[in-house]
């Protein structure tokens, strides 16, 4: 089903290193926790890694290799963005 009503969650942000924004196609393939774990591992391993590299690796793993032989999973919109939040000194 297609809807114009986005799923919105509101929460107070504490001790957050990054925010991930992604289309439903990404969430058809990975859970919230799997996405966070995927990004966290790469950011901790190499803090200077390009965010586009992380997204490229993630999408390469979940995109369907052939849209004509797949069941639809991995064929949907996979737009995504990572926003890294800088810590401010108090």
PDB file of N, CA and C in Angstrom:
ATOM      1  N   UNK A   1       0.846  -1.167   0.000  1.00  0.00           N
ATOM      2  CA  UNK A   1       0.000   0.000   0.000  1.00  0.00           C
ATOM      3  C   UNK A   1       0.894   1.233   0.000  1.00  0.00           C
ATOM      4  N   UNK A   2       0.518   2.222  -0.748  1.00  0.00           N
ATOM      5  CA  UNK A   2       1.242   3.490  -0.797  1.00  0.00           C
ATOM      6  C   UNK A   2       0.453   4.516  -0.014  1.00  0.00           C
ATOM      7  N   UNK A   3       1.164   5.258   0.834  1.00  0.00           N
ATOM      8  CA  UNK A   3       0.508   6.277   1.646  1.00  0.00           C
ATOM      9  C   UNK A   3       1.339   7.550   1.645  1.00  0.00           C
ATOM     10  N   UNK A   4       0.663   8.654   1.799  1.00  0.00           N
ATOM     11  CA  UNK A   4       1.367   9.940   1.898  1.00  0.00           C
ATOM     12  C   UNK A   4       1.654  10.279   3.352  1.00  0.00           C
ATOM     13  N   UNK A   5       1.215   9.429   4.258  1.00  0.00           N
ATOM     14  CA  UNK A   5       1.416   9.666   5.684  1.00  0.00           C
ATOM     15  C   UNK A   5       2.683   8.938   6.150  1.00  0.00           C
ATOM     16  N   UNK A   6       3.757   9.689   6.447  1.00  0.00           N
ATOM     17  CA  UNK A   6       5.001   9.036   6.875  1.00  0.00           C
ATOM     18  C   UNK A   6       4.883   8.481   8.293  1.00  0.00           C
ATOM     19  N   UNK A   7       5.722   7.493   8.580  1.00  0.00           N
ATOM     20  CA  UNK A   7       5.813   6.977   9.941  1.00  0.00           C
ATOM     21  C   UNK A   7       6.737   7.916  10.699  1.00  0.00           C
ATOM     22  N   UNK A   8       6.223   8.556  11.730  1.00  0.00           N
ATOM     23  CA  UNK A   8       7.005   9.546  12.475  1.00  0.00           C
ATOM     24  C   UNK A   8       7.079   9.130  13.941  1.00  0.00           C
ATOM     25  N   UNK A   9       8.283   9.173  14.472  1.00  0.00           N
ATOM     26  CA  UNK A   9       8.505   8.897  15.880  1.00  0.00           C
ATOM     27  C   UNK A   9       9.232  10.086  16.484  1.00  0.00           C
ATOM     28  N   UNK A  10       8.831  10.490  17.665  1.00  0.00           N
ATOM     29  CA  UNK A  10       9.469  11.618  18.330  1.00  0.00           C
ATOM     30  C   UNK A  10      10.138  11.124  19.612  1.00  0.00           C
ATOM     31  N   UNK A  11      11.383  11.531  19.795  1.00  0.00           N
ATOM     32  CA  UNK A  11      12.105  11.120  20.993  1.00  0.00           C
ATOM     33  C   UNK A  11      13.172  12.157  21.317  1.00  0.00           C
ATOM     34  N   UNK A  12      13.515  12.260  22.579  1.00  0.00           N
ATOM     35  CA  UNK A  12      14.592  13.159  22.994  1.00  0.00           C
ATOM     36  C   UNK A  12      15.916  12.502  22.638  1.00  0.00           C
ATOM     37  N   UNK A  13      16.795  13.261  22.024  1.00  0.00           N
ATOM     38  CA  UNK A  13      18.081  12.713  21.597  1.00  0.00           C
ATOM     39  C   UNK A  13      19.120  12.914  22.688  1.00  0.00           C
ATOM     40  N   UNK A  14      19.704  11.808  23.148  1.00  0.00           N
ATOM     41  CA  UNK A  14      20.790  11.820  24.126  1.00  0.00           C
ATOM     42  C   UNK A  14      21.849  10.842  23.655  1.00  0.00           C
ATOM     43  N   UNK A  15      23.092  11.250  23.722  1.00  0.00           N
ATOM     44  CA  UNK A  15      24.206  10.366  23.371  1.00  0.00           C
ATOM     45  C   UNK A  15      24.003   9.679  22.022  1.00  0.00           C
ATOM     46  N   UNK A  16      23.636  10.450  21.021  1.00  0.00           N
ATOM     47  CA  UNK A  16      23.433   9.919  19.671  1.00  0.00           C
ATOM     48  C   UNK A  16      24.594  10.372  18.794  1.00  0.00           C
ATOM     49  N   UNK A  17      25.182   9.431  18.088  1.00  0.00           N
ATOM     50  CA  UNK A  17      26.313   9.740  17.216  1.00  0.00           C
ATOM     51  C   UNK A  17      25.873  10.086  15.799  1.00  0.00           C
ATOM     52  N   UNK A  18      24.763   9.495  15.354  1.00  0.00           N
ATOM     53  CA  UNK A  18      24.309   9.728  13.993  1.00  0.00           C
ATOM     54  C   UNK A  18      22.813   9.467  13.884  1.00  0.00           C
ATOM     55  N   UNK A  19      22.256   9.964  12.784  1.00  0.00           N
ATOM     56  CA  UNK A  19      20.855   9.707  12.447  1.00  0.00           C
ATOM     57  C   UNK A  19      20.849   9.094  11.057  1.00  0.00           C
ATOM     58  N   UNK A  20      20.080   8.037  10.885  1.00  0.00           N
ATOM     59  CA  UNK A  20      19.923   7.405   9.582  1.00  0.00           C
ATOM     60  C   UNK A  20      18.513   7.668   9.085  1.00  0.00           C
ATOM     61  N   UNK A  21      18.410   8.137   7.862  1.00  0.00           N
ATOM     62  CA  UNK A  21      17.116   8.343   7.217  1.00  0.00           C
ATOM     63  C   UNK A  21      17.070   7.452   5.995  1.00  0.00           C
ATOM     64  N   UNK A  22      16.035   6.646   5.881  1.00  0.00           N
ATOM     65  CA  UNK A  22      15.967   5.752   4.736  1.00  0.00           C
ATOM     66  C   UNK A  22      14.542   5.484   4.297  1.00  0.00           C
ATOM     67  N   UNK A  23      14.406   5.145   3.031  1.00  0.00           N
ATOM     68  CA  UNK A  23      13.109   4.789   2.467  1.00  0.00           C
ATOM     69  C   UNK A  23      12.692   3.399   2.948  1.00  0.00           C
ATOM     70  N   UNK A  24      11.431   3.101   2.750  1.00  0.00           N
ATOM     71  CA  UNK A  24      10.881   1.830   3.226  1.00  0.00           C
ATOM     72  C   UNK A  24      11.570   0.612   2.633  1.00  0.00           C
ATOM     73  N   UNK A  25      12.130   0.739   1.436  1.00  0.00           N
ATOM     74  CA  UNK A  25      12.816  -0.399   0.825  1.00  0.00           C
ATOM     75  C   UNK A  25      13.993  -0.880   1.652  1.00  0.00           C
ATOM     76  N   UNK A  26      14.681   0.050   2.305  1.00  0.00           N
ATOM     77  CA  UNK A  26      15.805  -0.315   3.170  1.00  0.00           C
ATOM     78  C   UNK A  26      15.281  -1.113   4.365  1.00  0.00           C
ATOM     79  N   UNK A  27      14.163  -0.646   4.922  1.00  0.00           N
ATOM     80  CA  UNK A  27      13.600  -1.289   6.107  1.00  0.00           C
ATOM     81  C   UNK A  27      12.901  -2.607   5.789  1.00  0.00           C
ATOM     82  N   UNK A  28      12.630  -2.862   4.510  1.00  0.00           N
ATOM     83  CA  UNK A  28      12.124  -4.182   4.117  1.00  0.00           C
ATOM     84  C   UNK A  28      13.225  -5.231   4.252  1.00  0.00           C
ATOM     85  N   UNK A  29      14.475  -4.772   4.166  1.00  0.00           N
ATOM     86  CA  UNK A  29      15.618  -5.688   4.175  1.00  0.00           C
ATOM     87  C   UNK A  29      16.362  -5.731   5.505  1.00  0.00           C
ATOM     88  N   UNK A  30      16.367  -4.620   6.239  1.00  0.00           N
ATOM     89  CA  UNK A  30      17.111  -4.534   7.496  1.00  0.00           C
ATOM     90  C   UNK A  30      16.235  -3.921   8.586  1.00  0.00           C
ATOM     91  N   UNK A  31      16.440  -4.377   9.810  1.00  0.00           N
ATOM     92  CA  UNK A  31      15.734  -3.789  10.952  1.00  0.00           C
ATOM     93  C   UNK A  31      16.461  -2.516  11.388  1.00  0.00           C
ATOM     94  N   UNK A  32      15.822  -1.735  12.237  1.00  0.00           N
ATOM     95  CA  UNK A  32      16.468  -0.540  12.792  1.00  0.00           C
ATOM     96  C   UNK A  32      17.808  -0.895  13.422  1.00  0.00           C
ATOM     97  N   UNK A  33      17.815  -1.957  14.230  1.00  0.00           N
ATOM     98  CA  UNK A  33      19.034  -2.342  14.937  1.00  0.00           C
ATOM     99  C   UNK A  33      20.126  -2.809  13.979  1.00  0.00           C
ATOM    100  N   UNK A  34      19.751  -3.539  12.945  1.00  0.00           N
ATOM    101  CA  UNK A  34      20.741  -3.988  11.968  1.00  0.00           C
ATOM    102  C   UNK A  34      21.388  -2.805  11.256  1.00  0.00           C
ATOM    103  N   UNK A  35      20.607  -1.782  10.951  1.00  0.00           N
ATOM    104  CA  UNK A  35      21.142  -0.587  10.309  1.00  0.00           C
ATOM    105  C   UNK A  35      22.103   0.138  11.247  1.00  0.00           C
ATOM    106  N   UNK A  36      21.688   0.324  12.492  1.00  0.00           N
ATOM    107  CA  UNK A  36      22.535   1.001  13.486  1.00  0.00           C
ATOM    108  C   UNK A  36      23.830   0.230  13.679  1.00  0.00           C
ATOM    109  N   UNK A  37      23.752  -1.066  13.818  1.00  0.00           N
ATOM    110  CA  UNK A  37      24.948  -1.892  14.012  1.00  0.00           C
ATOM    111  C   UNK A  37      25.882  -1.798  12.802  1.00  0.00           C
ATOM    112  N   UNK A  38      25.327  -1.857  11.610  1.00  0.00           N
ATOM    113  CA  UNK A  38      26.111  -1.777  10.379  1.00  0.00           C
ATOM    114  C   UNK A  38      26.894  -0.474  10.332  1.00  0.00           C
ATOM    115  N   UNK A  39      26.224   0.627  10.601  1.00  0.00           N
ATOM    116  CA  UNK A  39      26.865   1.947  10.547  1.00  0.00           C
ATOM    117  C   UNK A  39      27.865   2.103  11.686  1.00  0.00           C
ATOM    118  N   UNK A  40      27.483   1.715  12.899  1.00  0.00           N
ATOM    119  CA  UNK A  40      28.351   1.846  14.075  1.00  0.00           C
ATOM    120  C   UNK A  40      29.688   1.140  13.892  1.00  0.00           C
ATOM    121  N   UNK A  41      29.639  -0.087  13.400  1.00  0.00           N
ATOM    122  CA  UNK A  41      30.869  -0.871  13.210  1.00  0.00           C
ATOM    123  C   UNK A  41      31.840  -0.113  12.308  1.00  0.00           C
ATOM    124  N   UNK A  42      31.326   0.435  11.233  1.00  0.00           N
ATOM    125  CA  UNK A  42      32.193   1.117  10.274  1.00  0.00           C
ATOM    126  C   UNK A  42      32.698   2.463  10.796  1.00  0.00           C
ATOM    127  N   UNK A  43      31.859   3.198  11.502  1.00  0.00           N
ATOM    128  CA  UNK A  43      32.295   4.481  12.070  1.00  0.00           C
ATOM    129  C   UNK A  43      33.341   4.292  13.160  1.00  0.00           C
ATOM    130  N   UNK A  44      33.188   3.245  13.961  1.00  0.00           N
ATOM    131  CA  UNK A  44      34.152   2.997  15.034  1.00  0.00           C
ATOM    132  C   UNK A  44      35.475   2.462  14.477  1.00  0.00           C
ATOM    133  N   UNK A  45      35.382   1.662  13.436  1.00  0.00           N
ATOM    134  CA  UNK A  45      36.580   1.094  12.809  1.00  0.00           C
ATOM    135  C   UNK A  45      37.397   2.188  12.124  1.00  0.00           C
ATOM    136  N   UNK A  46      36.715   3.137  11.484  1.00  0.00           N
ATOM    137  CA  UNK A  46      37.392   4.206  10.760  1.00  0.00           C
ATOM    138  C   UNK A  46      36.561   5.485  10.875  1.00  0.00           C
ATOM    139  N   UNK A  47      36.830   6.328  11.886  1.00  0.00           N
ATOM    140  CA  UNK A  47      36.049   7.552  12.094  1.00  0.00           C
ATOM    141  C   UNK A  47      36.088   8.518  10.903  1.00  0.00           C
ATOM    142  N   UNK A  48      37.074   8.374  10.028  1.00  0.00           N
ATOM    143  CA  UNK A  48      37.188   9.271   8.872  1.00  0.00           C
ATOM    144  C   UNK A  48      36.590   8.689   7.589  1.00  0.00           C
ATOM    145  N   UNK A  49      35.911   7.559   7.708  1.00  0.00           N
ATOM    146  CA  UNK A  49      35.318   6.933   6.527  1.00  0.00           C
ATOM    147  C   UNK A  49      34.270   7.861   5.918  1.00  0.00           C
ATOM    148  N   UNK A  50      34.197   7.874   4.607  1.00  0.00           N
ATOM    149  CA  UNK A  50      33.168   8.664   3.937  1.00  0.00           C
ATOM    150  C   UNK A  50      31.813   7.993   4.168  1.00  0.00           C
ATOM    151  N   UNK A  51      30.837   8.795   4.511  1.00  0.00           N
ATOM    152  CA  UNK A  51      29.502   8.261   4.778  1.00  0.00           C
ATOM    153  C   UNK A  51      28.915   7.614   3.525  1.00  0.00           C
ATOM    154  N   UNK A  52      29.259   8.138   2.382  1.00  0.00           N
ATOM    155  CA  UNK A  52      28.775   7.539   1.136  1.00  0.00           C
ATOM    156  C   UNK A  52      29.311   6.121   0.965  1.00  0.00           C
ATOM    157  N   UNK A  53      30.508   5.854   1.481  1.00  0.00           N
ATOM    158  CA  UNK A  53      31.095   4.510   1.413  1.00  0.00           C
ATOM    159  C   UNK A  53      30.283   3.537   2.275  1.00  0.00           C
ATOM    160  N   UNK A  54      29.870   3.986   3.455  1.00  0.00           N
ATOM    161  CA  UNK A  54      29.054   3.142   4.330  1.00  0.00           C
ATOM    162  C   UNK A  54      27.733   2.813   3.641  1.00  0.00           C
ATOM    163  N   UNK A  55      27.092   3.827   3.076  1.00  0.00           N
ATOM    164  CA  UNK A  55      25.815   3.600   2.393  1.00  0.00           C
ATOM    165  C   UNK A  55      25.990   2.689   1.183  1.00  0.00           C
ATOM    166  N   UNK A  56      27.075   2.879   0.462  1.00  0.00           N
ATOM    167  CA  UNK A  56      27.347   2.030  -0.701  1.00  0.00           C
ATOM    168  C   UNK A  56      27.473   0.569  -0.281  1.00  0.00           C
ATOM    169  N   UNK A  57      28.225   0.306   0.786  1.00  0.00           N
ATOM    170  CA  UNK A  57      28.389  -1.067   1.280  1.00  0.00           C
ATOM    171  C   UNK A  57      27.058  -1.658   1.717  1.00  0.00           C
ATOM    172  N   UNK A  58      26.268  -0.869   2.435  1.00  0.00           N
ATOM    173  CA  UNK A  58      24.991  -1.364   2.938  1.00  0.00           C
ATOM    174  C   UNK A  58      24.040  -1.675   1.778  1.00  0.00           C
ATOM    175  N   UNK A  59      23.929  -0.756   0.850  1.00  0.00           N
ATOM    176  CA  UNK A  59      23.004  -0.957  -0.262  1.00  0.00           C
ATOM    177  C   UNK A  59      23.461  -2.084  -1.181  1.00  0.00           C
ATOM    178  N   UNK A  60      24.768  -2.233  -1.361  1.00  0.00           N
ATOM    179  CA  UNK A  60      25.280  -3.350  -2.164  1.00  0.00           C
ATOM    180  C   UNK A  60      24.854  -4.695  -1.568  1.00  0.00           C
ATOM    181  N   UNK A  61      24.739  -4.761  -0.242  1.00  0.00           N
ATOM    182  CA  UNK A  61      24.355  -6.012   0.421  1.00  0.00           C
ATOM    183  C   UNK A  61      22.868  -6.304   0.307  1.00  0.00           C
ATOM    184  N   UNK A  62      22.035  -5.261   0.193  1.00  0.00           N
ATOM    185  CA  UNK A  62      20.597  -5.513   0.263  1.00  0.00           C
ATOM    186  C   UNK A  62      19.839  -5.327  -1.060  1.00  0.00           C
ATOM    187  N   UNK A  63      20.458  -4.684  -2.039  1.00  0.00           N
ATOM    188  CA  UNK A  63      19.778  -4.530  -3.328  1.00  0.00           C
ATOM    189  C   UNK A  63      19.660  -5.876  -4.033  1.00  0.00           C
ATOM    190  N   UNK A  64      18.518  -6.101  -4.663  1.00  0.00           N
ATOM    191  CA  UNK A  64      18.323  -7.335  -5.419  1.00  0.00           C
ATOM    192  C   UNK A  64      19.285  -7.360  -6.607  1.00  0.00           C
ATOM    193  N   UNK A  65      19.959  -8.469  -6.848  1.00  0.00           N
ATOM    194  CA  UNK A  65      20.902  -8.538  -7.959  1.00  0.00           C
ATOM    195  C   UNK A  65      20.210  -8.497  -9.331  1.00  0.00           C
ATOM    196  N   UNK A  66      18.956  -8.943  -9.369  1.00  0.00           N
ATOM    197  CA  UNK A  66      18.229  -8.975 -10.643  1.00  0.00           C
ATOM    198  C   UNK A  66      16.748  -8.772 -10.346  1.00  0.00           C
ATOM    199  N   UNK A  67      16.199  -7.653 -10.770  1.00  0.00           N
ATOM    200  CA  UNK A  67      14.803  -7.334 -10.431  1.00  0.00           C
ATOM    201  C   UNK A  67      13.800  -8.275 -11.091  1.00  0.00           C
ATOM    202  N   UNK A  68      14.206  -8.995 -12.100  1.00  0.00           N
ATOM    203  CA  UNK A  68      13.282  -9.860 -12.818  1.00  0.00           C
ATOM    204  C   UNK A  68      13.167 -11.257 -12.213  1.00  0.00           C
ATOM    205  N   UNK A  69      14.135 -11.646 -11.400  1.00  0.00           N
ATOM    206  CA  UNK A  69      14.087 -12.987 -10.810  1.00  0.00           C
ATOM    207  C   UNK A  69      13.858 -12.942  -9.304  1.00  0.00           C
ATOM    208  N   UNK A  70      13.732 -11.762  -8.738  1.00  0.00           N
ATOM    209  CA  UNK A  70      13.550 -11.628  -7.291  1.00  0.00           C
ATOM    210  C   UNK A  70      12.068 -11.547  -6.935  1.00  0.00           C
ATOM    211  N   UNK A  71      11.773 -11.643  -5.652  1.00  0.00           N
ATOM    212  CA  UNK A  71      10.399 -11.610  -5.160  1.00  0.00           C
ATOM    213  C   UNK A  71       9.909 -10.194  -4.893  1.00  0.00           C
ATOM    214  N   UNK A  72      10.732  -9.209  -5.141  1.00  0.00           N
ATOM    215  CA  UNK A  72      10.365  -7.820  -4.876  1.00  0.00           C
ATOM    216  C   UNK A  72      11.205  -7.223  -3.753  1.00  0.00           C
ATOM    217  N   UNK A  73      11.682  -8.054  -2.837  1.00  0.00           N
ATOM    218  CA  UNK A  73      12.520  -7.554  -1.748  1.00  0.00           C
ATOM    219  C   UNK A  73      13.868  -7.157  -2.331  1.00  0.00           C
ATOM    220  N   UNK A  74      14.276  -5.930  -2.032  1.00  0.00           N
ATOM    221  CA  UNK A  74      15.532  -5.430  -2.564  1.00  0.00           C
ATOM    222  C   UNK A  74      15.361  -4.720  -3.891  1.00  0.00           C
ATOM    223  N   UNK A  75      14.111  -4.592  -4.341  1.00  0.00           N
ATOM    224  CA  UNK A  75      13.837  -3.923  -5.620  1.00  0.00           C
ATOM    225  C   UNK A  75      13.176  -2.558  -5.409  1.00  0.00           C
ATOM    226  N   UNK A  76      12.807  -2.248  -4.191  1.00  0.00           N
ATOM    227  CA  UNK A  76      12.095  -1.013  -3.872  1.00  0.00           C
ATOM    228  C   UNK A  76      13.076   0.154  -3.772  1.00  0.00           C
ATOM    229  N   UNK A  77      12.558   1.348  -3.582  1.00  0.00           N
ATOM    230  CA  UNK A  77      13.390   2.537  -3.415  1.00  0.00           C
ATOM    231  C   UNK A  77      14.330   2.343  -2.227  1.00  0.00           C
ATOM    232  N   UNK A  78      15.597   2.629  -2.414  1.00  0.00           N
ATOM    233  CA  UNK A  78      16.609   2.441  -1.374  1.00  0.00           C
ATOM    234  C   UNK A  78      17.329   3.739  -1.034  1.00  0.00           C
ATOM    235  N   UNK A  79      16.677   4.867  -1.224  1.00  0.00           N
ATOM    236  CA  UNK A  79      17.305   6.148  -0.881  1.00  0.00           C
ATOM    237  C   UNK A  79      17.621   6.192   0.604  1.00  0.00           C
ATOM    238  N   UNK A  80      18.788   6.722   0.939  1.00  0.00           N
ATOM    239  CA  UNK A  80      19.168   6.791   2.346  1.00  0.00           C
ATOM    240  C   UNK A  80      20.215   7.876   2.581  1.00  0.00           C
ATOM    241  N   UNK A  81      20.266   8.341   3.836  1.00  0.00           N
ATOM    242  CA  UNK A  81      21.180   9.404   4.242  1.00  0.00           C
ATOM    243  C   UNK A  81      21.654   9.101   5.658  1.00  0.00           C
ATOM    244  N   UNK A  82      22.927   9.379   5.922  1.00  0.00           N
ATOM    245  CA  UNK A  82      23.465   9.320   7.282  1.00  0.00           C
ATOM    246  C   UNK A  82      23.862  10.737   7.665  1.00  0.00           C
ATOM    247  N   UNK A  83      23.438  11.158   8.848  1.00  0.00           N
ATOM    248  CA  UNK A  83      23.815  12.467   9.386  1.00  0.00           C
ATOM    249  C   UNK A  83      24.608  12.214  10.665  1.00  0.00           C
ATOM    250  N   UNK A  84      25.891  12.556  10.654  1.00  0.00           N
ATOM    251  CA  UNK A  84      26.723  12.387  11.841  1.00  0.00           C
ATOM    252  C   UNK A  84      26.612  13.654  12.669  1.00  0.00           C
ATOM    253  N   UNK A  85      26.338  13.478  13.961  1.00  0.00           N
ATOM    254  CA  UNK A  85      26.185  14.606  14.875  1.00  0.00           C
ATOM    255  C   UNK A  85      27.497  14.834  15.602  1.00  0.00           C
ATOM    256  N   UNK A  86      27.994  16.018  15.529  1.00  0.00           N
ATOM    257  CA  UNK A  86      29.242  16.351  16.217  1.00  0.00           C
ATOM    258  C   UNK A  86      28.945  16.658  17.678  1.00  0.00           C
ATOM    259  N   UNK A  87      29.820  16.182  18.540  1.00  0.00           N
ATOM    260  CA  UNK A  87      29.691  16.442  19.968  1.00  0.00           C
ATOM    261  C   UNK A  87      30.233  17.826  20.288  1.00  0.00           C
ATOM    262  N   UNK A  88      29.509  18.571  21.078  1.00  0.00           N
ATOM    263  CA  UNK A  88      29.980  19.875  21.496  1.00  0.00           C
ATOM    264  C   UNK A  88      30.542  19.781  22.906  1.00  0.00           C
ATOM    265  N   UNK A  89      31.594  20.518  23.150  1.00  0.00           N
ATOM    266  CA  UNK A  89      32.207  20.513  24.482  1.00  0.00           C
ATOM    267  C   UNK A  89      31.425  21.440  25.382  1.00  0.00           C
ATOM    268  N   UNK A  90      31.211  20.997  26.591  1.00  0.00           N
ATOM    269  CA  UNK A  90      30.454  21.816  27.559  1.00  0.00           C
ATOM    270  C   UNK A  90      31.381  22.524  28.482  1.00  0.00           C
TER     271      UNK A  90
END
